[in-house]
Amino acid sequence: MAQIVVPGPEPDWQPATIPPYHDGRNPAAQTSLWEAAASTFRMIAGLKPPLDALAARLRLSVERSWEDLGEVDAAMFTIDRRHFALSLMPYGQSETWVWLHRSHEDADDALQVLLDALGLGEEAVVFTGGPDTGFRYCGTGRST
């Protein structure tokens, strides 16, 4: 059986992951796993502790992906049938963002379930809400 050789990329093709997509000659535009998954989640809070510490508490693996603004580290998981994601953009974001699957309506209840599992109290919360619902900063949790 003859081996099929796949040719390399054309010299004028930009990487498929570089936005703005389809501005170059490369016919492919790659979507990140985070962008694909994040569309099913909504931001519900920001937490003061770093993502690595939160992931270590729950023994989660953090995955590196990207979005339009750059790289993002994220972990997706389930607690008590609630689907969460934690994310951090290493380019300067100070809070760990908490995401809740859009199928879950009660964000406050879900956030409490997460805080309980993390062994944290309200003082760990920087803000609640998100771009869809507006941000509400918390007095004791806001980073300076």
C-alpha atoms as a PDB file:
ATOM      1  CA  MET A   1       0.000   0.000   0.000  1.00  0.00           C
ATOM      2  CA  ALA A   2       1.400   3.354  -1.006  1.00  0.00           C
ATOM      3  CA  GLN A   3       1.910   5.969   1.661  1.00  0.00           C
ATOM      4  CA  ILE A   4       0.042   9.203   1.059  1.00  0.00           C
ATOM      5  CA  VAL A   5       2.102  12.300   1.694  1.00  0.00           C
ATOM      6  CA  VAL A   6       0.243  15.382   2.901  1.00  0.00           C
ATOM      7  CA  PRO A   7       1.878  18.562   1.606  1.00  0.00           C
ATOM      8  CA  GLY A   8       2.900  21.252   4.086  1.00  0.00           C
ATOM      9  CA  PRO A   9       1.058  24.556   4.371  1.00  0.00           C
ATOM     10  CA  GLU A  10       1.235  27.104   1.604  1.00  0.00           C
ATOM     11  CA  PRO A  11       3.870  29.768   2.364  1.00  0.00           C
ATOM     12  CA  ASP A  12       1.338  32.625   2.448  1.00  0.00           C
ATOM     13  CA  TRP A  13      -1.111  30.921   4.862  1.00  0.00           C
ATOM     14  CA  GLN A  14      -1.354  32.505   8.303  1.00  0.00           C
ATOM     15  CA  PRO A  15      -1.838  30.226  11.361  1.00  0.00           C
ATOM     16  CA  ALA A  16      -5.489  29.169  11.645  1.00  0.00           C
ATOM     17  CA  THR A  17      -5.643  30.437  15.250  1.00  0.00           C
ATOM     18  CA  ILE A  18      -4.710  34.054  14.555  1.00  0.00           C
ATOM     19  CA  PRO A  19      -7.622  36.526  14.557  1.00  0.00           C
ATOM     20  CA  PRO A  20      -9.019  38.193  12.611  1.00  0.00           C
ATOM     21  CA  TYR A  21      -9.908  34.912  11.013  1.00  0.00           C
ATOM     22  CA  HIS A  22     -10.148  34.596   7.235  1.00  0.00           C
ATOM     23  CA  ASP A  23      -8.063  37.730   6.601  1.00  0.00           C
ATOM     24  CA  GLY A  24      -5.278  35.631   5.138  1.00  0.00           C
ATOM     25  CA  ARG A  25      -5.237  32.966   2.517  1.00  0.00           C
ATOM     26  CA  ASN A  26      -5.499  29.971   4.864  1.00  0.00           C
ATOM     27  CA  PRO A  27      -8.885  28.316   4.179  1.00  0.00           C
ATOM     28  CA  ALA A  28      -9.101  27.032   7.793  1.00  0.00           C
ATOM     29  CA  ALA A  29     -10.054  29.033  10.891  1.00  0.00           C
ATOM     30  CA  GLN A  30      -9.546  27.046  14.092  1.00  0.00           C
ATOM     31  CA  THR A  31     -11.951  27.424  17.020  1.00  0.00           C
ATOM     32  CA  SER A  32     -10.598  26.974  20.519  1.00  0.00           C
ATOM     33  CA  LEU A  33     -12.146  24.415  22.848  1.00  0.00           C
ATOM     34  CA  TRP A  34     -12.770  27.195  25.378  1.00  0.00           C
ATOM     35  CA  GLU A  35     -14.680  29.351  22.887  1.00  0.00           C
ATOM     36  CA  ALA A  36     -16.810  26.380  21.891  1.00  0.00           C
ATOM     37  CA  ALA A  37     -17.619  25.475  25.494  1.00  0.00           C
ATOM     38  CA  ALA A  38     -17.905  29.010  26.899  1.00  0.00           C
ATOM     39  CA  SER A  39     -20.866  29.848  24.679  1.00  0.00           C
ATOM     40  CA  THR A  40     -22.961  27.456  26.789  1.00  0.00           C
ATOM     41  CA  PHE A  41     -21.927  29.161  30.060  1.00  0.00           C
ATOM     42  CA  ARG A  42     -22.622  32.560  31.641  1.00  0.00           C
ATOM     43  CA  MET A  43     -20.344  34.393  34.019  1.00  0.00           C
ATOM     44  CA  ILE A  44     -21.769  34.546  37.545  1.00  0.00           C
ATOM     45  CA  ALA A  45     -18.890  35.729  39.746  1.00  0.00           C
ATOM     46  CA  GLY A  46     -15.256  36.559  40.212  1.00  0.00           C
ATOM     47  CA  LEU A  47     -13.251  35.004  43.026  1.00  0.00           C
ATOM     48  CA  LYS A  48     -10.157  36.382  44.738  1.00  0.00           C
ATOM     49  CA  PRO A  49      -8.154  33.124  45.003  1.00  0.00           C
ATOM     50  CA  PRO A  50      -6.045  32.163  41.990  1.00  0.00           C
ATOM     51  CA  LEU A  51      -7.291  29.512  39.590  1.00  0.00           C
ATOM     52  CA  ASP A  52      -4.469  27.124  40.449  1.00  0.00           C
ATOM     53  CA  ALA A  53      -5.407  27.123  44.149  1.00  0.00           C
ATOM     54  CA  LEU A  54      -9.106  26.582  43.393  1.00  0.00           C
ATOM     55  CA  ALA A  55      -8.318  23.775  40.963  1.00  0.00           C
ATOM     56  CA  ALA A  56      -5.967  22.150  43.481  1.00  0.00           C
ATOM     57  CA  ARG A  57      -8.701  22.171  46.140  1.00  0.00           C
ATOM     58  CA  LEU A  58     -11.077  20.282  43.828  1.00  0.00           C
ATOM     59  CA  ARG A  59      -8.293  18.227  42.184  1.00  0.00           C
ATOM     60  CA  LEU A  60      -9.147  19.635  38.755  1.00  0.00           C
ATOM     61  CA  SER A  61      -6.898  19.760  35.707  1.00  0.00           C
ATOM     62  CA  VAL A  62      -6.484  23.226  34.229  1.00  0.00           C
ATOM     63  CA  GLU A  63      -6.381  23.366  30.452  1.00  0.00           C
ATOM     64  CA  ARG A  64      -4.795  26.083  28.293  1.00  0.00           C
ATOM     65  CA  SER A  65      -6.848  27.394  25.389  1.00  0.00           C
ATOM     66  CA  TRP A  66      -7.405  30.804  23.806  1.00  0.00           C
ATOM     67  CA  GLU A  67     -10.040  33.326  22.789  1.00  0.00           C
ATOM     68  CA  ASP A  68     -10.003  36.575  20.834  1.00  0.00           C
ATOM     69  CA  LEU A  69      -8.091  38.425  23.563  1.00  0.00           C
ATOM     70  CA  GLY A  70      -5.436  35.758  24.029  1.00  0.00           C
ATOM     71  CA  GLU A  71      -4.684  32.691  26.089  1.00  0.00           C
ATOM     72  CA  VAL A  72      -7.055  31.454  28.764  1.00  0.00           C
ATOM     73  CA  ASP A  73      -6.645  28.788  31.430  1.00  0.00           C
ATOM     74  CA  ALA A  74      -9.858  26.970  32.311  1.00  0.00           C
ATOM     75  CA  ALA A  75     -11.298  24.014  34.169  1.00  0.00           C
ATOM     76  CA  MET A  76     -14.815  22.675  33.598  1.00  0.00           C
ATOM     77  CA  PHE A  77     -16.497  20.443  36.164  1.00  0.00           C
ATOM     78  CA  THR A  78     -19.762  19.425  37.815  1.00  0.00           C
ATOM     79  CA  ILE A  79     -20.807  19.708  41.472  1.00  0.00           C
ATOM     80  CA  ASP A  80     -24.213  18.435  42.587  1.00  0.00           C
ATOM     81  CA  ARG A  81     -25.444  18.285  38.949  1.00  0.00           C
ATOM     82  CA  ARG A  82     -24.458  21.940  38.373  1.00  0.00           C
ATOM     83  CA  HIS A  83     -22.027  22.541  35.527  1.00  0.00           C
ATOM     84  CA  PHE A  84     -19.295  25.092  36.272  1.00  0.00           C
ATOM     85  CA  ALA A  85     -16.196  26.487  34.641  1.00  0.00           C
ATOM     86  CA  LEU A  86     -13.403  28.509  36.214  1.00  0.00           C
ATOM     87  CA  SER A  87     -11.227  30.663  33.975  1.00  0.00           C
ATOM     88  CA  LEU A  88      -8.280  33.003  34.134  1.00  0.00           C
ATOM     89  CA  MET A  89      -6.661  34.952  31.334  1.00  0.00           C
ATOM     90  CA  PRO A  90      -2.971  35.088  32.234  1.00  0.00           C
ATOM     91  CA  TYR A  91      -2.437  38.423  30.469  1.00  0.00           C
ATOM     92  CA  GLY A  92      -3.444  40.472  33.505  1.00  0.00           C
ATOM     93  CA  GLN A  93      -6.822  39.342  34.827  1.00  0.00           C
ATOM     94  CA  SER A  94      -6.728  39.451  38.619  1.00  0.00           C
ATOM     95  CA  GLU A  95      -9.856  37.449  39.522  1.00  0.00           C
ATOM     96  CA  THR A  96     -10.763  33.874  38.718  1.00  0.00           C
ATOM     97  CA  TRP A  97     -14.015  34.004  36.781  1.00  0.00           C
ATOM     98  CA  VAL A  98     -16.809  31.594  37.681  1.00  0.00           C
ATOM     99  CA  TRP A  99     -19.089  30.395  34.901  1.00  0.00           C
ATOM    100  CA  LEU A 100     -22.366  28.488  35.237  1.00  0.00           C
ATOM    101  CA  HIS A 101     -24.041  26.481  32.489  1.00  0.00           C
ATOM    102  CA  ARG A 102     -26.962  28.418  31.003  1.00  0.00           C
ATOM    103  CA  SER A 103     -29.369  25.561  31.828  1.00  0.00           C
ATOM    104  CA  HIS A 104     -29.085  26.418  35.546  1.00  0.00           C
ATOM    105  CA  GLU A 105     -31.266  29.362  36.556  1.00  0.00           C
ATOM    106  CA  ASP A 106     -30.331  30.054  40.186  1.00  0.00           C
ATOM    107  CA  ALA A 107     -26.848  31.571  40.018  1.00  0.00           C
ATOM    108  CA  ASP A 108     -26.798  32.579  43.699  1.00  0.00           C
ATOM    109  CA  ASP A 109     -27.572  29.034  44.827  1.00  0.00           C
ATOM    110  CA  ALA A 110     -24.995  27.581  42.450  1.00  0.00           C
ATOM    111  CA  LEU A 111     -22.337  30.014  43.658  1.00  0.00           C
ATOM    112  CA  GLN A 112     -23.029  28.963  47.247  1.00  0.00           C
ATOM    113  CA  VAL A 113     -22.686  25.286  46.288  1.00  0.00           C
ATOM    114  CA  LEU A 114     -19.314  26.084  44.715  1.00  0.00           C
ATOM    115  CA  LEU A 115     -18.102  28.137  47.675  1.00  0.00           C
ATOM    116  CA  ASP A 116     -19.095  25.330  50.060  1.00  0.00           C
ATOM    117  CA  ALA A 117     -17.149  22.788  48.004  1.00  0.00           C
ATOM    118  CA  LEU A 118     -14.154  25.119  47.934  1.00  0.00           C
ATOM    119  CA  GLY A 119     -14.330  25.668  51.691  1.00  0.00           C
ATOM    120  CA  LEU A 120     -14.604  29.428  51.139  1.00  0.00           C
ATOM    121  CA  GLY A 121     -16.896  32.149  52.416  1.00  0.00           C
ATOM    122  CA  GLU A 122     -18.338  35.301  50.904  1.00  0.00           C
ATOM    123  CA  GLU A 123     -15.056  37.148  51.545  1.00  0.00           C
ATOM    124  CA  ALA A 124     -13.573  35.272  48.569  1.00  0.00           C
ATOM    125  CA  VAL A 125     -16.123  36.831  46.177  1.00  0.00           C
ATOM    126  CA  VAL A 126     -14.956  39.941  44.309  1.00  0.00           C
ATOM    127  CA  PHE A 127     -18.101  40.415  42.234  1.00  0.00           C
ATOM    128  CA  THR A 128     -21.272  38.623  41.236  1.00  0.00           C
ATOM    129  CA  GLY A 129     -23.061  38.824  37.933  1.00  0.00           C
ATOM    130  CA  GLY A 130     -21.364  39.304  34.613  1.00  0.00           C
ATOM    131  CA  PRO A 131     -21.653  41.027  31.247  1.00  0.00           C
ATOM    132  CA  ASP A 132     -25.166  39.635  30.679  1.00  0.00           C
ATOM    133  CA  THR A 133     -26.612  40.727  34.033  1.00  0.00           C
ATOM    134  CA  GLY A 134     -24.328  43.522  35.229  1.00  0.00           C
ATOM    135  CA  PHE A 135     -21.524  43.319  37.773  1.00  0.00           C
ATOM    136  CA  ARG A 136     -22.153  43.777  41.504  1.00  0.00           C
ATOM    137  CA  TYR A 137     -18.922  44.301  43.407  1.00  0.00           C
ATOM    138  CA  CYS A 138     -18.745  42.883  46.911  1.00  0.00           C
ATOM    139  CA  GLY A 139     -17.426  45.113  49.686  1.00  0.00           C
ATOM    140  CA  THR A 140     -14.974  42.749  51.369  1.00  0.00           C
ATOM    141  CA  GLY A 141     -13.941  40.742  48.337  1.00  0.00           C
ATOM    142  CA  ARG A 142     -13.006  43.425  45.838  1.00  0.00           C
ATOM    143  CA  SER A 143      -9.373  43.403  44.918  1.00  0.00           C
ATOM    144  CA  THR A 144      -7.504  46.677  44.950  1.00  0.00           C
END
